């Protein structure tokens, strides 16, 4: 059960712009632009953007399917 809980925590954790950029292998500017345009799922906390990994994964799958 500990492994399942750990996986859920990893899926639900918030990522920074830098982490998302590294994960998606794009520039920080690209992530910032997509978040600001509301093209990708993001939440603004104060002056900083945060992203849920699960939502980013879902969004990337949708983007891939649209282009196929």
Foldseek 3Di string as FASTA:
>chain_A
DVVVVVVVCLQFDKDFLVRVCVVVVHDSVVSVVCVVVVVADWDDDPNGIIDGNNRRVVSVVVVVVVVD
